Amino acid sequence: MESVIDKGNIEPYPLLMTLRKIRRLNGLSVMQFAQVLEVAPSTIYGWESGRRKPSVVQLAALGDALGLSHGQLGRLARSWRGH
């Protein structure tokens, strides 16, 4: 699967669109994603809206759940710093 991040599209899009798009490309609903990451659905909504940022541990779990490489995860993390 070609990643949204690999296409270099992470910078022009708000984090909400990027994370939501990646989650959906992986076929995960908010509820499913929250269960996988062992967080509340409101946490996922917070990340996708930019109101919250994941901890380092949550970010690593997020990358694992979405099958992101270390490089992809790094690009996603850098995009979070801008929000």
Protein backbone atom coordinates (compact mmCIF):
# COMPACT_ATOMS: atom_id res chain seq x y z
CA MET A 1 0.00 0.00 0.00
CA GLU A 2 1.39 3.37 -0.97
CA SER A 3 1.31 5.67 1.99
CA VAL A 4 -0.01 9.21 2.05
CA ILE A 5 3.19 10.06 3.89
CA ASP A 6 5.42 8.52 1.20
CA LYS A 7 3.81 10.70 -1.43
CA GLY A 8 5.07 13.74 0.45
CA ASN A 9 1.54 14.92 1.11
CA ILE A 10 1.88 15.34 4.84
CA GLU A 11 2.92 18.99 4.80
CA PRO A 12 0.11 20.53 2.72
CA TYR A 13 -2.68 18.82 4.64
CA PRO A 14 -3.82 19.47 8.18
CA LEU A 15 -2.96 16.65 10.54
CA LEU A 16 -6.66 15.87 10.85
CA MET A 17 -6.82 14.88 7.19
CA THR A 18 -3.51 13.01 7.20
CA LEU A 19 -4.10 10.83 10.25
CA ARG A 20 -7.73 10.21 9.36
CA LYS A 21 -6.77 9.28 5.80
CA ILE A 22 -4.06 6.87 6.97
CA ARG A 23 -6.44 5.29 9.48
CA ARG A 24 -9.13 4.86 6.85
CA LEU A 25 -6.67 3.49 4.27
CA ASN A 26 -5.88 0.84 6.87
CA GLY A 27 -9.60 0.04 7.13
CA LEU A 28 -9.93 1.14 10.75
CA SER A 29 -12.87 2.97 12.31
CA VAL A 30 -12.22 5.34 15.20
CA MET A 31 -13.58 2.71 17.60
CA GLN A 32 -11.37 -0.04 16.17
CA PHE A 33 -8.32 2.19 16.18
CA ALA A 34 -8.97 3.23 19.77
CA GLN A 35 -9.25 -0.42 20.82
CA VAL A 36 -6.00 -1.34 19.08
CA LEU A 37 -4.18 1.53 20.78
CA GLU A 38 -5.96 1.02 24.10
CA VAL A 39 -7.12 4.64 24.25
CA ALA A 40 -10.54 6.26 24.36
CA PRO A 41 -12.17 7.14 21.03
CA SER A 42 -12.12 10.76 22.19
CA THR A 43 -8.30 10.55 22.16
CA ILE A 44 -8.35 9.56 18.48
CA TYR A 45 -10.76 12.40 17.71
CA GLY A 46 -8.46 14.77 19.61
CA TRP A 47 -5.42 13.66 17.59
CA GLU A 48 -7.28 13.92 14.30
CA SER A 49 -8.59 17.38 15.11
CA GLY A 50 -5.22 18.63 16.36
CA ARG A 51 -6.57 19.37 19.86
CA ARG A 52 -4.32 16.69 21.36
CA LYS A 53 -0.91 15.26 20.61
CA PRO A 54 0.15 11.70 21.36
CA SER A 55 2.85 10.92 23.87
CA VAL A 56 6.03 9.27 22.59
CA VAL A 57 4.69 5.88 23.68
CA GLN A 58 1.34 6.54 21.96
CA LEU A 59 3.11 7.73 18.83
CA ALA A 60 5.11 4.49 18.65
CA ALA A 61 1.93 2.44 19.14
CA LEU A 62 0.22 4.53 16.47
CA GLY A 63 3.01 3.77 14.02
CA ASP A 64 2.87 0.05 14.80
CA ALA A 65 -0.91 -0.07 14.41
CA LEU A 66 -0.76 1.67 11.04
CA GLY A 67 2.27 -0.25 9.80
CA LEU A 68 4.38 2.88 9.37
CA SER A 69 8.11 2.67 8.84
CA HIS A 70 10.42 4.62 11.14
CA GLY A 71 10.81 7.26 8.42
CA GLN A 72 7.07 7.60 7.94
CA LEU A 73 6.54 7.81 11.69
CA GLY A 74 9.20 10.51 11.89
CA ARG A 75 7.47 12.56 9.20
CA LEU A 76 4.16 12.19 10.99
CA ALA A 77 5.76 13.23 14.30
CA ARG A 78 7.37 16.28 12.68
CA SER A 79 4.02 17.30 11.24
CA TRP A 80 2.54 17.20 14.75
CA ARG A 81 5.07 19.73 15.98
CA GLY A 82 3.65 22.29 13.59
CA HIS A 83 0.17 22.02 15.10
